[in-house]
């Protein structure tokens, strides 16, 4: 299972991607996005966009809302 946690800093968006398989190691990656262009590039290459496109659309919307409010 893959899950995302989204948090906000004063000028950056923080996304933690957690991968928790039933067997094998659990991993966590924390990414800091300081602008919408870098965030959009990440959204375009994030592999989970194929596994769970609705979740990825929600992440993209949340990111765009953050950068619109802090732009």
PDB file of N, CA and C in Angstrom:
ATOM      1  N   UNK A   1       0.841  -1.173   0.000  1.00  0.00           N
ATOM      2  CA  UNK A   1       0.000   0.000   0.000  1.00  0.00           C
ATOM      3  C   UNK A   1       0.892   1.245   0.000  1.00  0.00           C
ATOM      4  N   UNK A   2       0.501   2.226  -0.754  1.00  0.00           N
ATOM      5  CA  UNK A   2       1.198   3.502  -0.792  1.00  0.00           C
ATOM      6  C   UNK A   2       0.258   4.575  -0.266  1.00  0.00           C
ATOM      7  N   UNK A   3       0.778   5.423   0.609  1.00  0.00           N
ATOM      8  CA  UNK A   3      -0.010   6.516   1.176  1.00  0.00           C
ATOM      9  C   UNK A   3       0.824   7.787   1.129  1.00  0.00           C
ATOM     10  N   UNK A   4       0.137   8.914   1.120  1.00  0.00           N
ATOM     11  CA  UNK A   4       0.795  10.210   1.100  1.00  0.00           C
ATOM     12  C   UNK A   4       0.313  11.031   2.292  1.00  0.00           C
ATOM     13  N   UNK A   5       1.233  11.772   2.893  1.00  0.00           N
ATOM     14  CA  UNK A   5       0.903  12.739   3.936  1.00  0.00           C
ATOM     15  C   UNK A   5       1.359  14.102   3.434  1.00  0.00           C
ATOM     16  N   UNK A   6       0.453  15.064   3.481  1.00  0.00           N
ATOM     17  CA  UNK A   6       0.745  16.407   2.973  1.00  0.00           C
ATOM     18  C   UNK A   6       0.748  17.379   4.149  1.00  0.00           C
ATOM     19  N   UNK A   7       1.795  18.194   4.218  1.00  0.00           N
ATOM     20  CA  UNK A   7       1.836  19.250   5.224  1.00  0.00           C
ATOM     21  C   UNK A   7       2.390  20.516   4.582  1.00  0.00           C
ATOM     22  N   UNK A   8       2.153  21.616   5.243  1.00  0.00           N
ATOM     23  CA  UNK A   8       2.558  22.906   4.699  1.00  0.00           C
ATOM     24  C   UNK A   8       3.521  23.606   5.635  1.00  0.00           C
ATOM     25  N   UNK A   9       4.506  24.221   5.041  1.00  0.00           N
ATOM     26  CA  UNK A   9       5.403  25.119   5.765  1.00  0.00           C
ATOM     27  C   UNK A   9       5.066  26.530   5.293  1.00  0.00           C
ATOM     28  N   UNK A  10       5.736  27.515   5.814  1.00  0.00           N
ATOM     29  CA  UNK A  10       5.422  28.894   5.450  1.00  0.00           C
ATOM     30  C   UNK A  10       5.559  29.137   3.950  1.00  0.00           C
ATOM     31  N   UNK A  11       6.586  28.575   3.326  1.00  0.00           N
ATOM     32  CA  UNK A  11       6.825  28.845   1.905  1.00  0.00           C
ATOM     33  C   UNK A  11       7.009  27.582   1.078  1.00  0.00           C
ATOM     34  N   UNK A  12       6.703  26.413   1.636  1.00  0.00           N
ATOM     35  CA  UNK A  12       6.930  25.171   0.901  1.00  0.00           C
ATOM     36  C   UNK A  12       5.863  24.137   1.235  1.00  0.00           C
ATOM     37  N   UNK A  13       5.661  23.247   0.310  1.00  0.00           N
ATOM     38  CA  UNK A  13       4.742  22.129   0.471  1.00  0.00           C
ATOM     39  C   UNK A  13       5.579  20.883   0.738  1.00  0.00           C
ATOM     40  N   UNK A  14       5.205  20.119   1.747  1.00  0.00           N
ATOM     41  CA  UNK A  14       5.936  18.911   2.112  1.00  0.00           C
ATOM     42  C   UNK A  14       5.026  17.704   1.866  1.00  0.00           C
ATOM     43  N   UNK A  15       5.539  16.746   1.108  1.00  0.00           N
ATOM     44  CA  UNK A  15       4.788  15.517   0.850  1.00  0.00           C
ATOM     45  C   UNK A  15       5.647  14.337   1.275  1.00  0.00           C
ATOM     46  N   UNK A  16       5.060  13.482   2.104  1.00  0.00           N
ATOM     47  CA  UNK A  16       5.721  12.252   2.504  1.00  0.00           C
ATOM     48  C   UNK A  16       5.011  11.097   1.803  1.00  0.00           C
ATOM     49  N   UNK A  17       5.779  10.303   1.091  1.00  0.00           N
ATOM     50  CA  UNK A  17       5.242   9.123   0.414  1.00  0.00           C
ATOM     51  C   UNK A  17       5.659   7.905   1.229  1.00  0.00           C
ATOM     52  N   UNK A  18       4.665   7.162   1.705  1.00  0.00           N
ATOM     53  CA  UNK A  18       4.922   5.975   2.518  1.00  0.00           C
ATOM     54  C   UNK A  18       4.514   4.732   1.733  1.00  0.00           C
ATOM     55  N   UNK A  19       5.438   3.796   1.636  1.00  0.00           N
ATOM     56  CA  UNK A  19       5.152   2.530   0.965  1.00  0.00           C
ATOM     57  C   UNK A  19       5.225   1.430   2.018  1.00  0.00           C
ATOM     58  N   UNK A  20       4.098   0.764   2.250  1.00  0.00           N
ATOM     59  CA  UNK A  20       3.990  -0.239   3.310  1.00  0.00           C
ATOM     60  C   UNK A  20       3.479  -1.553   2.730  1.00  0.00           C
ATOM     61  N   UNK A  21       4.375  -2.361   2.143  1.00  0.00           N
ATOM     62  CA  UNK A  21       3.933  -3.646   1.610  1.00  0.00           C
ATOM     63  C   UNK A  21       3.612  -4.623   2.746  1.00  0.00           C
ATOM     64  N   UNK A  22       2.843  -5.661   2.428  1.00  0.00           N
ATOM     65  CA  UNK A  22       2.512  -6.643   3.455  1.00  0.00           C
ATOM     66  C   UNK A  22       3.744  -7.418   3.907  1.00  0.00           C
ATOM     67  N   UNK A  23       4.673  -7.611   2.992  1.00  0.00           N
ATOM     68  CA  UNK A  23       5.942  -8.231   3.364  1.00  0.00           C
ATOM     69  C   UNK A  23       7.074  -7.396   2.757  1.00  0.00           C
ATOM     70  N   UNK A  24       8.191  -7.401   3.392  1.00  0.00           N
ATOM     71  CA  UNK A  24       9.304  -6.596   2.898  1.00  0.00           C
ATOM     72  C   UNK A  24       9.423  -5.291   3.652  1.00  0.00           C
ATOM     73  N   UNK A  25      10.428  -4.522   3.290  1.00  0.00           N
ATOM     74  CA  UNK A  25      10.700  -3.282   4.038  1.00  0.00           C
ATOM     75  C   UNK A  25       9.684  -2.179   3.746  1.00  0.00           C
ATOM     76  N   UNK A  26       9.433  -1.394   4.750  1.00  0.00           N
ATOM     77  CA  UNK A  26       8.614  -0.191   4.603  1.00  0.00           C
ATOM     78  C   UNK A  26       9.548   0.968   4.301  1.00  0.00           C
ATOM     79  N   UNK A  27       9.119   1.832   3.422  1.00  0.00           N
ATOM     80  CA  UNK A  27       9.943   2.981   3.070  1.00  0.00           C
ATOM     81  C   UNK A  27       9.127   4.264   3.179  1.00  0.00           C
ATOM     82  N   UNK A  28       9.835   5.343   3.373  1.00  0.00           N
ATOM     83  CA  UNK A  28       9.217   6.652   3.450  1.00  0.00           C
ATOM     84  C   UNK A  28      10.146   7.649   2.765  1.00  0.00           C
ATOM     85  N   UNK A  29       9.581   8.477   1.907  1.00  0.00           N
ATOM     86  CA  UNK A  29      10.342   9.520   1.217  1.00  0.00           C
ATOM     87  C   UNK A  29       9.658  10.848   1.495  1.00  0.00           C
ATOM     88  N   UNK A  30      10.434  11.813   1.923  1.00  0.00           N
ATOM     89  CA  UNK A  30       9.895  13.146   2.195  1.00  0.00           C
ATOM     90  C   UNK A  30      10.439  14.107   1.149  1.00  0.00           C
ATOM     91  N   UNK A  31       9.515  14.829   0.517  1.00  0.00           N
ATOM     92  CA  UNK A  31       9.886  15.770  -0.539  1.00  0.00           C
ATOM     93  C   UNK A  31       9.411  17.166  -0.158  1.00  0.00           C
ATOM     94  N   UNK A  32      10.234  18.146  -0.439  1.00  0.00           N
ATOM     95  CA  UNK A  32       9.931  19.541  -0.152  1.00  0.00           C
ATOM     96  C   UNK A  32       9.835  20.273  -1.480  1.00  0.00           C
ATOM     97  N   UNK A  33       8.700  20.888  -1.726  1.00  0.00           N
ATOM     98  CA  UNK A  33       8.476  21.616  -2.978  1.00  0.00           C
ATOM     99  C   UNK A  33       8.351  23.098  -2.661  1.00  0.00           C
ATOM    100  N   UNK A  34       9.244  23.892  -3.270  1.00  0.00           N
ATOM    101  CA  UNK A  34       9.241  25.327  -3.011  1.00  0.00           C
ATOM    102  C   UNK A  34       8.553  26.129  -4.095  1.00  0.00           C
ATOM    103  N   UNK A  35       8.191  25.477  -5.213  1.00  0.00           N
ATOM    104  CA  UNK A  35       7.449  26.190  -6.253  1.00  0.00           C
ATOM    105  C   UNK A  35       6.592  25.221  -7.050  1.00  0.00           C
ATOM    106  N   UNK A  36       5.616  25.769  -7.737  1.00  0.00           N
ATOM    107  CA  UNK A  36       4.644  24.960  -8.465  1.00  0.00           C
ATOM    108  C   UNK A  36       5.265  24.215  -9.638  1.00  0.00           C
ATOM    109  N   UNK A  37       6.267  24.779 -10.279  1.00  0.00           N
ATOM    110  CA  UNK A  37       6.875  24.132 -11.446  1.00  0.00           C
ATOM    111  C   UNK A  37       7.540  22.813 -11.058  1.00  0.00           C
ATOM    112  N   UNK A  38       8.284  22.821  -9.973  1.00  0.00           N
ATOM    113  CA  UNK A  38       8.945  21.589  -9.513  1.00  0.00           C
ATOM    114  C   UNK A  38       7.896  20.584  -9.052  1.00  0.00           C
ATOM    115  N   UNK A  39       6.887  21.053  -8.356  1.00  0.00           N
ATOM    116  CA  UNK A  39       5.807  20.175  -7.908  1.00  0.00           C
ATOM    117  C   UNK A  39       5.106  19.528  -9.104  1.00  0.00           C
ATOM    118  N   UNK A  40       4.812  20.307 -10.131  1.00  0.00           N
ATOM    119  CA  UNK A  40       4.154  19.761 -11.329  1.00  0.00           C
ATOM    120  C   UNK A  40       5.024  18.714 -12.026  1.00  0.00           C
ATOM    121  N   UNK A  41       6.329  18.950 -12.088  1.00  0.00           N
ATOM    122  CA  UNK A  41       7.225  17.949 -12.691  1.00  0.00           C
ATOM    123  C   UNK A  41       7.183  16.644 -11.910  1.00  0.00           C
ATOM    124  N   UNK A  42       7.166  16.741 -10.575  1.00  0.00           N
ATOM    125  CA  UNK A  42       7.070  15.542  -9.753  1.00  0.00           C
ATOM    126  C   UNK A  42       5.743  14.821 -10.017  1.00  0.00           C
ATOM    127  N   UNK A  43       4.650  15.571 -10.061  1.00  0.00           N
ATOM    128  CA  UNK A  43       3.342  14.965 -10.327  1.00  0.00           C
ATOM    129  C   UNK A  43       3.342  14.221 -11.666  1.00  0.00           C
ATOM    130  N   UNK A  44       4.022  14.781 -12.666  1.00  0.00           N
ATOM    131  CA  UNK A  44       4.051  14.178 -13.998  1.00  0.00           C
ATOM    132  C   UNK A  44       4.831  12.867 -14.049  1.00  0.00           C
ATOM    133  N   UNK A  45       5.771  12.660 -13.117  1.00  0.00           N
ATOM    134  CA  UNK A  45       6.572  11.438 -13.166  1.00  0.00           C
ATOM    135  C   UNK A  45       6.287  10.477 -12.011  1.00  0.00           C
ATOM    136  N   UNK A  46       5.462  10.852 -11.061  1.00  0.00           N
ATOM    137  CA  UNK A  46       5.168  10.009  -9.902  1.00  0.00           C
ATOM    138  C   UNK A  46       4.482   8.716 -10.364  1.00  0.00           C
ATOM    139  N   UNK A  47       5.090   7.547 -10.112  1.00  0.00           N
ATOM    140  CA  UNK A  47       4.531   6.278 -10.597  1.00  0.00           C
ATOM    141  C   UNK A  47       3.125   5.965 -10.082  1.00  0.00           C
ATOM    142  N   UNK A  48       2.765   6.446  -8.926  1.00  0.00           N
ATOM    143  CA  UNK A  48       1.442   6.118  -8.389  1.00  0.00           C
ATOM    144  C   UNK A  48       0.307   6.772  -9.185  1.00  0.00           C
ATOM    145  N   UNK A  49       0.647   7.652 -10.125  1.00  0.00           N
ATOM    146  CA  UNK A  49      -0.410   8.253 -10.957  1.00  0.00           C
ATOM    147  C   UNK A  49      -1.107   7.189 -11.793  1.00  0.00           C
ATOM    148  N   UNK A  50      -0.439   6.059 -12.019  1.00  0.00           N
ATOM    149  CA  UNK A  50      -1.057   4.950 -12.741  1.00  0.00           C
ATOM    150  C   UNK A  50      -1.808   4.023 -11.790  1.00  0.00           C
ATOM    151  N   UNK A  51      -1.278   3.851 -10.580  1.00  0.00           N
ATOM    152  CA  UNK A  51      -1.884   2.954  -9.598  1.00  0.00           C
ATOM    153  C   UNK A  51      -3.134   3.551  -8.967  1.00  0.00           C
ATOM    154  N   UNK A  52      -3.127   4.840  -8.697  1.00  0.00           N
ATOM    155  CA  UNK A  52      -4.253   5.503  -8.038  1.00  0.00           C
ATOM    156  C   UNK A  52      -4.405   6.919  -8.596  1.00  0.00           C
ATOM    157  N   UNK A  53      -4.949   7.029  -9.815  1.00  0.00           N
ATOM    158  CA  UNK A  53      -5.032   8.351 -10.451  1.00  0.00           C
ATOM    159  C   UNK A  53      -5.885   9.358  -9.675  1.00  0.00           C
ATOM    160  N   UNK A  54      -6.917   8.901  -8.975  1.00  0.00           N
ATOM    161  CA  UNK A  54      -7.744   9.840  -8.209  1.00  0.00           C
ATOM    162  C   UNK A  54      -6.948  10.461  -7.061  1.00  0.00           C
ATOM    163  N   UNK A  55      -6.167   9.653  -6.373  1.00  0.00           N
ATOM    164  CA  UNK A  55      -5.334  10.172  -5.299  1.00  0.00           C
ATOM    165  C   UNK A  55      -4.322  11.171  -5.833  1.00  0.00           C
ATOM    166  N   UNK A  56      -3.720  10.864  -6.952  1.00  0.00           N
ATOM    167  CA  UNK A  56      -2.739  11.786  -7.541  1.00  0.00           C
ATOM    168  C   UNK A  56      -3.391  13.088  -7.988  1.00  0.00           C
ATOM    169  N   UNK A  57      -4.618  13.022  -8.495  1.00  0.00           N
ATOM    170  CA  UNK A  57      -5.339  14.251  -8.835  1.00  0.00           C
ATOM    171  C   UNK A  57      -5.609  15.092  -7.589  1.00  0.00           C
ATOM    172  N   UNK A  58      -5.949  14.429  -6.476  1.00  0.00           N
ATOM    173  CA  UNK A  58      -6.172  15.153  -5.221  1.00  0.00           C
ATOM    174  C   UNK A  58      -4.888  15.828  -4.745  1.00  0.00           C
ATOM    175  N   UNK A  59      -3.773  15.110  -4.840  1.00  0.00           N
ATOM    176  CA  UNK A  59      -2.488  15.694  -4.452  1.00  0.00           C
ATOM    177  C   UNK A  59      -2.155  16.910  -5.311  1.00  0.00           C
ATOM    178  N   UNK A  60      -2.373  16.788  -6.606  1.00  0.00           N
ATOM    179  CA  UNK A  60      -2.079  17.894  -7.520  1.00  0.00           C
ATOM    180  C   UNK A  60      -2.955  19.109  -7.194  1.00  0.00           C
ATOM    181  N   UNK A  61      -4.240  18.880  -6.942  1.00  0.00           N
ATOM    182  CA  UNK A  61      -5.140  19.986  -6.587  1.00  0.00           C
ATOM    183  C   UNK A  61      -4.701  20.664  -5.291  1.00  0.00           C
ATOM    184  N   UNK A  62      -4.351  19.839  -4.294  1.00  0.00           N
ATOM    185  CA  UNK A  62      -3.912  20.399  -3.011  1.00  0.00           C
ATOM    186  C   UNK A  62      -2.646  21.231  -3.197  1.00  0.00           C
ATOM    187  N   UNK A  63      -1.721  20.732  -3.993  1.00  0.00           N
ATOM    188  CA  UNK A  63      -0.495  21.483  -4.267  1.00  0.00           C
ATOM    189  C   UNK A  63      -0.772  22.786  -4.988  1.00  0.00           C
ATOM    190  N   UNK A  64      -1.643  22.750  -5.985  1.00  0.00           N
ATOM    191  CA  UNK A  64      -1.967  23.973  -6.734  1.00  0.00           C
ATOM    192  C   UNK A  64      -2.662  24.993  -5.832  1.00  0.00           C
ATOM    193  N   UNK A  65      -3.529  24.509  -4.938  1.00  0.00           N
ATOM    194  CA  UNK A  65      -4.180  25.417  -3.983  1.00  0.00           C
ATOM    195  C   UNK A  65      -3.136  26.080  -3.086  1.00  0.00           C
ATOM    196  N   UNK A  66      -2.181  25.285  -2.609  1.00  0.00           N
ATOM    197  CA  UNK A  66      -1.139  25.831  -1.731  1.00  0.00           C
ATOM    198  C   UNK A  66      -0.335  26.906  -2.458  1.00  0.00           C
ATOM    199  N   UNK A  67       0.142  26.584  -3.665  1.00  0.00           N
ATOM    200  CA  UNK A  67       0.987  27.543  -4.373  1.00  0.00           C
ATOM    201  C   UNK A  67       0.201  28.775  -4.837  1.00  0.00           C
ATOM    202  N   UNK A  68      -1.069  28.624  -5.133  1.00  0.00           N
ATOM    203  CA  UNK A  68      -1.893  29.784  -5.480  1.00  0.00           C
ATOM    204  C   UNK A  68      -2.048  30.716  -4.274  1.00  0.00           C
ATOM    205  N   UNK A  69      -2.177  30.138  -3.088  1.00  0.00           N
ATOM    206  CA  UNK A  69      -2.344  30.939  -1.877  1.00  0.00           C
ATOM    207  C   UNK A  69      -1.018  31.563  -1.407  1.00  0.00           C
ATOM    208  N   UNK A  70       0.105  30.943  -1.784  1.00  0.00           N
ATOM    209  CA  UNK A  70       1.405  31.424  -1.308  1.00  0.00           C
ATOM    210  C   UNK A  70       2.270  31.986  -2.431  1.00  0.00           C
ATOM    211  N   UNK A  71       1.653  32.257  -3.581  1.00  0.00           N
ATOM    212  CA  UNK A  71       2.410  32.724  -4.738  1.00  0.00           C
ATOM    213  C   UNK A  71       2.647  34.155  -4.711  1.00  0.00           C
TER     214      UNK A  71
END
